[in-house]
Amino acid sequence: QVQLVESGGGLVQPGGSLRLSCAASGSIFSINALGWYRQAPGKQRELVAAITSGGSTKYVDSVKGRFTISRDNAKNKVYLQLDSLKPEDTAVYYCNAEIEMVQDGMHFTYSYWGQGTQVTVSS
C-alpha cells in the first residue's frame, strides 16, 4: 500500500558530495518522522539523521556539519545532502518513514523502509 523509493547513491571520491532522495507513495494520510539510516558491511544499521513533521532535525555525531536532512511535505519526499564525504561513510543508506494511514475510519501509524541505495566513498 505504501512504497518508499530511494535514489541518488553512487561512487564518489573523498571530499565529494551526493544527494539522496526518498519518495513515498501510496495510501498516505500524513507522514510523521522521516529518517535516514545506514548499514556498512559487518556493522549494525545506525540512524544517521531524522526530521520531524515540524522540521526539527537530529544527526549522529559523526555526520554533524557534513550531512543535511530536509523534507518536502507536498511531494512526500525526504532528502539527505551528503557533503565532505569520507571513506567511513560507505554504506547502504535506507530511508524510513512513520506513515499515518486511515483504515476503516481509524488512524494507524506504520513504519516503512526503502530498499536502500549504495554510497561508496573511495579514491
Protein backbone atom coordinates (compact mmCIF):
# COMPACT_ATOMS: atom_id res chain seq x y z
CA GLN A 1 0.00 0.00 0.00
CA VAL A 2 2.95 2.30 0.64
CA GLN A 3 6.27 2.35 -1.15
CA LEU A 4 9.47 4.21 -0.37
CA VAL A 5 11.87 4.54 -3.27
CA GLU A 6 15.39 5.87 -2.76
CA SER A 7 17.73 7.29 -5.36
CA GLY A 8 20.95 9.23 -5.61
CA GLY A 9 23.57 6.81 -4.35
CA GLY A 10 26.81 6.12 -6.17
CA LEU A 11 30.57 6.19 -6.13
CA VAL A 12 32.25 9.42 -5.06
CA GLN A 13 35.76 10.45 -4.12
CA PRO A 14 36.62 11.54 -0.58
CA GLY A 15 35.56 15.13 -0.05
CA GLY A 16 32.81 14.82 -2.63
CA SER A 17 29.05 15.21 -2.32
CA LEU A 18 25.90 13.27 -3.04
CA ARG A 19 22.22 13.97 -2.60
CA LEU A 20 19.94 11.11 -1.67
CA SER A 21 16.21 11.27 -2.28
CA CYS A 22 13.38 9.15 -0.97
CA ALA A 23 9.85 9.35 -2.32
CA ALA A 24 6.83 7.90 -0.55
CA SER A 25 3.73 6.87 -2.46
CA GLY A 26 0.51 5.02 -1.77
CA SER A 27 -2.33 5.35 0.70
CA ILE A 28 -0.79 8.09 2.82
CA PHE A 29 -2.78 10.29 5.18
CA SER A 30 0.26 12.03 6.60
CA ILE A 31 3.93 11.41 7.22
CA ASN A 32 5.33 11.94 10.69
CA ALA A 33 9.03 11.47 11.32
CA LEU A 34 11.42 10.65 8.48
CA GLY A 35 14.87 9.24 8.86
CA TRP A 36 17.94 8.08 7.02
CA TYR A 37 19.81 5.04 8.29
CA ARG A 38 22.92 3.35 7.01
CA GLN A 39 24.47 -0.07 7.29
CA ALA A 40 28.07 -0.80 6.49
CA PRO A 41 29.32 -4.37 5.92
CA GLY A 42 29.62 -6.22 9.20
CA LYS A 43 28.04 -3.40 11.19
CA GLN A 44 24.64 -2.72 12.63
CA ARG A 45 22.24 -0.34 10.97
CA GLU A 46 22.50 3.09 12.52
CA LEU A 47 20.38 6.21 12.45
CA VAL A 48 22.18 8.93 10.50
CA ALA A 49 19.63 11.74 10.53
CA ALA A 50 15.99 12.31 11.31
CA ILE A 51 13.45 15.07 10.77
CA THR A 52 10.08 15.56 12.42
CA SER A 53 6.91 16.72 10.73
CA GLY A 54 7.65 20.16 12.13
CA GLY A 55 11.12 20.25 10.68
CA SER A 56 13.22 19.58 13.77
CA THR A 57 16.32 17.59 12.96
CA LYS A 58 18.90 15.44 14.67
CA TYR A 59 22.11 13.82 13.46
CA VAL A 60 24.54 11.19 14.60
CA ASP A 61 27.71 12.90 15.82
CA SER A 62 29.87 11.51 13.02
CA VAL A 63 27.94 13.40 10.31
CA LYS A 64 27.12 16.67 12.08
CA GLY A 65 28.17 19.61 9.94
CA ARG A 66 28.54 17.43 6.84
CA PHE A 67 25.08 15.96 6.19
CA THR A 68 21.77 17.80 5.95
CA ILE A 69 18.33 16.24 6.07
CA SER A 70 15.31 18.02 4.62
CA ARG A 71 11.79 17.19 3.54
CA ASP A 72 9.20 18.34 1.04
CA ASN A 73 5.82 17.60 2.58
CA ALA A 74 3.91 18.50 -0.59
CA LYS A 75 5.82 15.86 -2.53
CA ASN A 76 6.13 13.28 0.28
CA LYS A 77 9.89 13.32 -0.14
CA VAL A 78 12.88 13.38 2.14
CA TYR A 79 16.41 14.26 1.15
CA LEU A 80 19.86 13.75 2.57
CA GLN A 81 22.64 16.02 1.36
CA LEU A 82 26.00 14.39 1.96
CA ASP A 83 28.99 16.71 1.82
CA SER A 84 32.67 16.27 2.68
CA LEU A 85 32.25 12.54 2.32
CA LYS A 86 34.73 10.20 3.95
CA PRO A 87 35.52 6.54 3.21
CA GLU A 88 33.87 5.60 6.51
CA ASP A 89 30.57 6.93 5.14
CA THR A 90 30.49 3.99 2.74
CA ALA A 91 27.31 2.02 3.41
CA VAL A 92 23.87 1.19 2.14
CA TYR A 93 21.59 4.08 3.04
CA TYR A 94 17.94 3.42 3.85
CA CYS A 95 15.10 5.86 4.35
CA ASN A 96 12.44 5.22 6.96
CA ALA A 97 9.06 6.88 7.30
CA GLU A 98 6.42 6.87 10.01
CA ILE A 99 3.29 6.96 7.87
CA GLU A 100 -0.23 7.55 9.11
CA MET A 101 -2.98 5.75 7.22
CA VAL A 102 -6.74 5.64 7.55
CA GLN A 103 -8.26 2.20 7.58
CA ASP A 104 -11.97 1.61 8.26
CA GLY A 105 -12.20 5.12 9.59
CA MET A 106 -9.38 4.64 12.09
CA HIS A 107 -5.92 6.14 12.04
CA PHE A 108 -2.88 3.86 12.21
CA THR A 109 0.80 4.68 12.01
CA TYR A 110 3.21 2.24 10.42
CA SER A 111 6.95 2.28 9.85
CA TYR A 112 8.12 1.73 6.30
CA TRP A 113 11.58 1.19 4.81
CA GLY A 114 13.02 1.82 1.41
CA GLN A 115 15.08 -0.73 -0.48
CA GLY A 116 18.38 1.02 0.17
CA THR A 117 20.87 2.84 -2.02
CA GLN A 118 24.62 2.21 -2.03
CA VAL A 119 27.01 5.03 -1.21
CA THR A 120 30.67 4.27 -1.82
CA VAL A 121 33.38 6.79 -0.95
CA SER A 122 36.70 5.80 -2.46
CA SER A 123 39.56 7.25 -4.45
